[in-house]
Amino acid sequence: MGVFDKAKNLYNIQKQSKAIKKDLKKVHIEAEVDGVTIVLDGELAIVDITISDEAWAAFQADQFGKNKMLEAIKKSFAKAMKKAQEVASAKMKDLWAEMGIGA
């Protein structure tokens, strides 16, 4: 493969990567733990956080409610992050194969 072909291949990979990144921005990943729901986009940015009325009431009624709420938020965020990373990985798999990475 000549230098021109390598440069062309690199340009195509960069173009595909930008397209994938743009697509990931539109993907919303939702995860819920104990009534706390976190929504991330495919680039791992927080889109929304909601706490159900039932969970809110349970947290308020409990003496340790604040700690439990924070733990539920933490677990929900971790779950959403894992899902988002799996989605991004699946979208990038073909590009990685083209680059000779993974497979």
N, C-alpha and C. Protein backbone atom coordinates (compact mmCIF):
# COMPACT_ATOMS: atom_id res chain seq x y z
N MET A 1 0.85 -1.17 0.00
CA MET A 1 0.00 0.00 0.00
C MET A 1 0.90 1.23 0.00
N GLY A 2 0.66 2.11 -0.96
CA GLY A 2 1.47 3.31 -1.09
C GLY A 2 1.07 4.39 -0.10
N VAL A 3 1.86 5.42 -0.05
CA VAL A 3 1.61 6.53 0.87
C VAL A 3 0.25 7.17 0.59
N PHE A 4 -0.06 7.35 -0.70
CA PHE A 4 -1.34 7.95 -1.06
C PHE A 4 -2.50 7.08 -0.57
N ASP A 5 -2.39 5.78 -0.75
CA ASP A 5 -3.44 4.86 -0.30
C ASP A 5 -3.60 4.89 1.23
N LYS A 6 -2.47 4.97 1.92
CA LYS A 6 -2.52 5.04 3.39
C LYS A 6 -3.20 6.34 3.84
N ALA A 7 -2.87 7.45 3.18
CA ALA A 7 -3.47 8.73 3.52
C ALA A 7 -4.97 8.71 3.23
N LYS A 8 -5.35 8.12 2.12
CA LYS A 8 -6.76 8.02 1.75
C LYS A 8 -7.50 7.15 2.77
N ASN A 9 -6.88 6.04 3.17
CA ASN A 9 -7.47 5.14 4.15
C ASN A 9 -7.64 5.86 5.50
N LEU A 10 -6.63 6.59 5.90
CA LEU A 10 -6.69 7.34 7.15
C LEU A 10 -7.80 8.38 7.10
N TYR A 11 -7.92 9.07 5.97
CA TYR A 11 -8.99 10.06 5.80
C TYR A 11 -10.36 9.40 5.93
N ASN A 12 -10.53 8.24 5.30
CA ASN A 12 -11.82 7.53 5.37
C ASN A 12 -12.14 7.08 6.79
N ILE A 13 -11.14 6.61 7.49
CA ILE A 13 -11.33 6.19 8.88
C ILE A 13 -11.72 7.39 9.74
N GLN A 14 -11.06 8.52 9.53
CA GLN A 14 -11.38 9.74 10.29
C GLN A 14 -12.82 10.18 9.98
N LYS A 15 -13.21 10.11 8.73
CA LYS A 15 -14.56 10.50 8.32
C LYS A 15 -15.60 9.58 8.97
N GLN A 16 -15.33 8.27 8.96
CA GLN A 16 -16.24 7.31 9.58
C GLN A 16 -16.32 7.54 11.09
N SER A 17 -15.20 7.83 11.69
CA SER A 17 -15.16 8.07 13.13
C SER A 17 -16.01 9.28 13.51
N LYS A 18 -15.92 10.34 12.72
CA LYS A 18 -16.74 11.53 12.99
C LYS A 18 -18.22 11.23 12.82
N ALA A 19 -18.56 10.41 11.82
CA ALA A 19 -19.96 10.04 11.61
C ALA A 19 -20.49 9.22 12.78
N ILE A 20 -19.67 8.30 13.27
CA ILE A 20 -20.07 7.48 14.42
C ILE A 20 -20.26 8.36 15.64
N LYS A 21 -19.35 9.29 15.86
CA LYS A 21 -19.46 10.20 17.01
C LYS A 21 -20.76 11.01 16.92
N LYS A 22 -21.09 11.48 15.73
CA LYS A 22 -22.32 12.24 15.53
C LYS A 22 -23.54 11.37 15.83
N ASP A 23 -23.50 10.11 15.37
CA ASP A 23 -24.60 9.17 15.64
C ASP A 23 -24.73 8.89 17.14
N LEU A 24 -23.61 8.74 17.83
CA LEU A 24 -23.64 8.44 19.26
C LEU A 24 -24.27 9.57 20.06
N LYS A 25 -24.10 10.79 19.60
CA LYS A 25 -24.68 11.95 20.29
C LYS A 25 -26.21 11.83 20.31
N LYS A 26 -26.77 11.17 19.29
CA LYS A 26 -28.23 11.04 19.17
C LYS A 26 -28.78 9.85 19.94
N VAL A 27 -27.91 8.94 20.36
CA VAL A 27 -28.35 7.73 21.08
C VAL A 27 -28.54 8.07 22.55
N HIS A 28 -29.68 7.66 23.12
CA HIS A 28 -29.92 7.87 24.55
C HIS A 28 -29.97 6.51 25.24
N ILE A 29 -29.20 6.38 26.30
CA ILE A 29 -29.10 5.15 27.07
C ILE A 29 -29.69 5.43 28.45
N GLU A 30 -30.61 4.58 28.87
CA GLU A 30 -31.30 4.79 30.14
C GLU A 30 -30.99 3.64 31.09
N ALA A 31 -30.78 3.99 32.36
CA ALA A 31 -30.57 2.98 33.39
C ALA A 31 -31.30 3.42 34.66
N GLU A 32 -31.93 2.45 35.33
CA GLU A 32 -32.70 2.74 36.53
C GLU A 32 -32.27 1.82 37.66
N VAL A 33 -32.09 2.39 38.83
CA VAL A 33 -31.79 1.63 40.04
C VAL A 33 -32.58 2.26 41.19
N ASP A 34 -33.39 1.48 41.86
CA ASP A 34 -34.16 1.92 43.03
C ASP A 34 -34.93 3.21 42.79
N GLY A 35 -35.53 3.36 41.62
CA GLY A 35 -36.35 4.53 41.32
C GLY A 35 -35.58 5.73 40.81
N VAL A 36 -34.28 5.62 40.69
CA VAL A 36 -33.45 6.70 40.14
C VAL A 36 -33.09 6.31 38.70
N THR A 37 -33.46 7.18 37.77
CA THR A 37 -33.20 6.91 36.35
C THR A 37 -32.22 7.95 35.81
N ILE A 38 -31.19 7.45 35.16
CA ILE A 38 -30.18 8.31 34.52
C ILE A 38 -30.25 8.04 33.02
N VAL A 39 -30.22 9.12 32.23
CA VAL A 39 -30.18 8.99 30.78
C VAL A 39 -28.89 9.67 30.31
N LEU A 40 -28.08 8.91 29.56
CA LEU A 40 -26.85 9.43 28.98
C LEU A 40 -26.98 9.39 27.47
N ASP A 41 -26.22 10.25 26.78
CA ASP A 41 -26.14 10.07 25.34
C ASP A 41 -24.95 9.15 25.05
N GLY A 42 -24.77 8.80 23.80
CA GLY A 42 -23.72 7.86 23.43
C GLY A 42 -22.32 8.39 23.64
N GLU A 43 -22.20 9.69 23.91
CA GLU A 43 -20.89 10.27 24.21
C GLU A 43 -20.68 10.42 25.71
N LEU A 44 -21.55 9.79 26.50
CA LEU A 44 -21.47 9.73 27.96
C LEU A 44 -21.83 11.04 28.66
N ALA A 45 -22.52 11.92 27.97
CA ALA A 45 -23.00 13.15 28.60
C ALA A 45 -24.36 12.88 29.24
N ILE A 46 -24.59 13.45 30.41
CA ILE A 46 -25.87 13.27 31.11
C ILE A 46 -26.94 14.06 30.37
N VAL A 47 -28.03 13.35 30.02
CA VAL A 47 -29.16 13.97 29.35
C VAL A 47 -30.25 14.29 30.37
N ASP A 48 -30.46 13.36 31.33
CA ASP A 48 -31.54 13.54 32.30
C ASP A 48 -31.30 12.67 33.52
N ILE A 49 -31.78 13.15 34.66
CA ILE A 49 -31.80 12.37 35.90
C ILE A 49 -33.18 12.56 36.50
N THR A 50 -33.85 11.45 36.79
CA THR A 50 -35.17 11.55 37.44
C THR A 50 -35.22 10.61 38.64
N ILE A 51 -36.00 11.01 39.62
CA ILE A 51 -36.24 10.19 40.80
C ILE A 51 -37.76 10.02 40.90
N SER A 52 -38.21 8.78 40.93
CA SER A 52 -39.65 8.52 40.98
C SER A 52 -40.22 9.06 42.29
N ASP A 53 -41.51 9.37 42.26
CA ASP A 53 -42.18 9.86 43.46
C ASP A 53 -42.09 8.85 44.59
N GLU A 54 -42.22 7.57 44.24
CA GLU A 54 -42.16 6.51 45.25
C GLU A 54 -40.78 6.45 45.89
N ALA A 55 -39.76 6.54 45.06
CA ALA A 55 -38.39 6.50 45.58
C ALA A 55 -38.12 7.73 46.43
N TRP A 56 -38.58 8.89 45.97
CA TRP A 56 -38.37 10.14 46.71
C TRP A 56 -39.01 10.03 48.10
N ALA A 57 -40.24 9.53 48.15
CA ALA A 57 -40.94 9.38 49.44
C ALA A 57 -40.21 8.40 50.34
N ALA A 58 -39.73 7.30 49.77
CA ALA A 58 -39.00 6.30 50.56
C ALA A 58 -37.69 6.87 51.09
N PHE A 59 -36.99 7.63 50.26
CA PHE A 59 -35.74 8.25 50.70
C PHE A 59 -35.99 9.24 51.83
N GLN A 60 -37.06 10.02 51.71
CA GLN A 60 -37.38 11.03 52.73
C GLN A 60 -37.82 10.39 54.04
N ALA A 61 -38.51 9.27 53.97
CA ALA A 61 -39.02 8.60 55.16
C ALA A 61 -37.90 7.90 55.93
N ASP A 62 -36.83 7.59 55.25
CA ASP A 62 -35.73 6.85 55.87
C ASP A 62 -34.73 7.82 56.49
N GLN A 63 -34.30 7.51 57.69
CA GLN A 63 -33.32 8.33 58.40
C GLN A 63 -32.03 8.48 57.60
N PHE A 64 -31.69 7.47 56.83
CA PHE A 64 -30.47 7.49 56.03
C PHE A 64 -30.79 7.72 54.55
N GLY A 65 -31.92 8.35 54.28
CA GLY A 65 -32.41 8.53 52.92
C GLY A 65 -31.43 9.20 51.98
N LYS A 66 -30.75 10.23 52.47
CA LYS A 66 -29.82 10.95 51.60
C LYS A 66 -28.70 10.02 51.12
N ASN A 67 -28.16 9.24 52.02
CA ASN A 67 -27.10 8.31 51.64
C ASN A 67 -27.61 7.25 50.67
N LYS A 68 -28.83 6.75 50.92
CA LYS A 68 -29.40 5.74 50.02
C LYS A 68 -29.69 6.35 48.64
N MET A 69 -30.15 7.59 48.63
CA MET A 69 -30.42 8.24 47.35
C MET A 69 -29.13 8.43 46.57
N LEU A 70 -28.10 8.89 47.23
CA LEU A 70 -26.82 9.08 46.56
C LEU A 70 -26.26 7.75 46.05
N GLU A 71 -26.45 6.69 46.82
CA GLU A 71 -25.99 5.37 46.38
C GLU A 71 -26.78 4.91 45.16
N ALA A 72 -28.09 5.16 45.15
CA ALA A 72 -28.92 4.78 44.00
C ALA A 72 -28.50 5.58 42.76
N ILE A 73 -28.21 6.86 42.94
CA ILE A 73 -27.74 7.69 41.83
C ILE A 73 -26.42 7.15 41.30
N LYS A 74 -25.52 6.84 42.20
CA LYS A 74 -24.21 6.30 41.82
C LYS A 74 -24.35 4.98 41.04
N LYS A 75 -25.18 4.08 41.54
CA LYS A 75 -25.37 2.79 40.88
C LYS A 75 -26.06 2.96 39.53
N SER A 76 -27.04 3.84 39.47
CA SER A 76 -27.74 4.08 38.21
C SER A 76 -26.80 4.68 37.18
N PHE A 77 -25.96 5.62 37.60
CA PHE A 77 -24.99 6.24 36.70
C PHE A 77 -23.99 5.19 36.18
N ALA A 78 -23.50 4.34 37.07
CA ALA A 78 -22.55 3.30 36.67
C ALA A 78 -23.18 2.34 35.67
N LYS A 79 -24.44 2.00 35.90
CA LYS A 79 -25.15 1.10 35.00
C LYS A 79 -25.33 1.76 33.62
N ALA A 80 -25.69 3.04 33.61
CA ALA A 80 -25.86 3.76 32.35
C ALA A 80 -24.53 3.89 31.61
N MET A 81 -23.46 4.16 32.34
CA MET A 81 -22.13 4.28 31.73
C MET A 81 -21.74 2.97 31.06
N LYS A 82 -21.97 1.86 31.74
CA LYS A 82 -21.62 0.56 31.17
C LYS A 82 -22.41 0.30 29.89
N LYS A 83 -23.71 0.58 29.92
CA LYS A 83 -24.54 0.40 28.73
C LYS A 83 -24.05 1.30 27.59
N ALA A 84 -23.75 2.55 27.89
CA ALA A 84 -23.31 3.50 26.87
C ALA A 84 -21.98 3.07 26.26
N GLN A 85 -21.09 2.55 27.08
CA GLN A 85 -19.80 2.07 26.56
C GLN A 85 -20.00 0.87 25.65
N GLU A 86 -20.94 0.00 26.00
CA GLU A 86 -21.24 -1.16 25.16
C GLU A 86 -21.81 -0.72 23.81
N VAL A 87 -22.68 0.28 23.81
CA VAL A 87 -23.26 0.79 22.58
C VAL A 87 -22.16 1.40 21.71
N ALA A 88 -21.31 2.23 22.31
CA ALA A 88 -20.22 2.87 21.56
C ALA A 88 -19.26 1.82 21.01
N SER A 89 -18.96 0.82 21.80
CA SER A 89 -18.05 -0.24 21.36
C SER A 89 -18.63 -0.99 20.17
N ALA A 90 -19.91 -1.29 20.22
CA ALA A 90 -20.56 -2.00 19.11
C ALA A 90 -20.50 -1.16 17.83
N LYS A 91 -20.72 0.15 17.95
CA LYS A 91 -20.69 1.03 16.78
C LYS A 91 -19.27 1.17 16.21
N MET A 92 -18.28 1.08 17.07
CA MET A 92 -16.90 1.26 16.63
C MET A 92 -16.26 -0.04 16.14
N LYS A 93 -16.89 -1.17 16.39
CA LYS A 93 -16.30 -2.48 16.09
C LYS A 93 -15.87 -2.59 14.62
N ASP A 94 -16.74 -2.20 13.71
CA ASP A 94 -16.40 -2.29 12.28
C ASP A 94 -15.23 -1.39 11.92
N LEU A 95 -15.22 -0.20 12.48
CA LEU A 95 -14.12 0.73 12.21
C LEU A 95 -12.81 0.16 12.74
N TRP A 96 -12.84 -0.41 13.93
CA TRP A 96 -11.64 -1.01 14.51
C TRP A 96 -11.13 -2.15 13.64
N ALA A 97 -12.06 -2.97 13.14
CA ALA A 97 -11.67 -4.09 12.29
C ALA A 97 -10.99 -3.58 11.02
N GLU A 98 -11.51 -2.49 10.47
CA GLU A 98 -10.91 -1.90 9.27
C GLU A 98 -9.50 -1.41 9.55
N MET A 99 -9.27 -0.96 10.78
CA MET A 99 -7.95 -0.47 11.17
C MET A 99 -7.04 -1.61 11.60
N GLY A 100 -7.60 -2.83 11.73
CA GLY A 100 -6.80 -3.97 12.16
C GLY A 100 -6.64 -4.06 13.66
N ILE A 101 -7.56 -3.43 14.40
CA ILE A 101 -7.53 -3.45 15.86
C ILE A 101 -8.66 -4.35 16.34
N GLY A 102 -8.36 -5.20 17.29
CA GLY A 102 -9.38 -6.09 17.84
C GLY A 102 -9.83 -7.10 16.82
N ALA A 103 -11.11 -7.38 16.78
CA ALA A 103 -11.77 -8.25 15.79
C ALA A 103 -12.69 -9.20 16.43
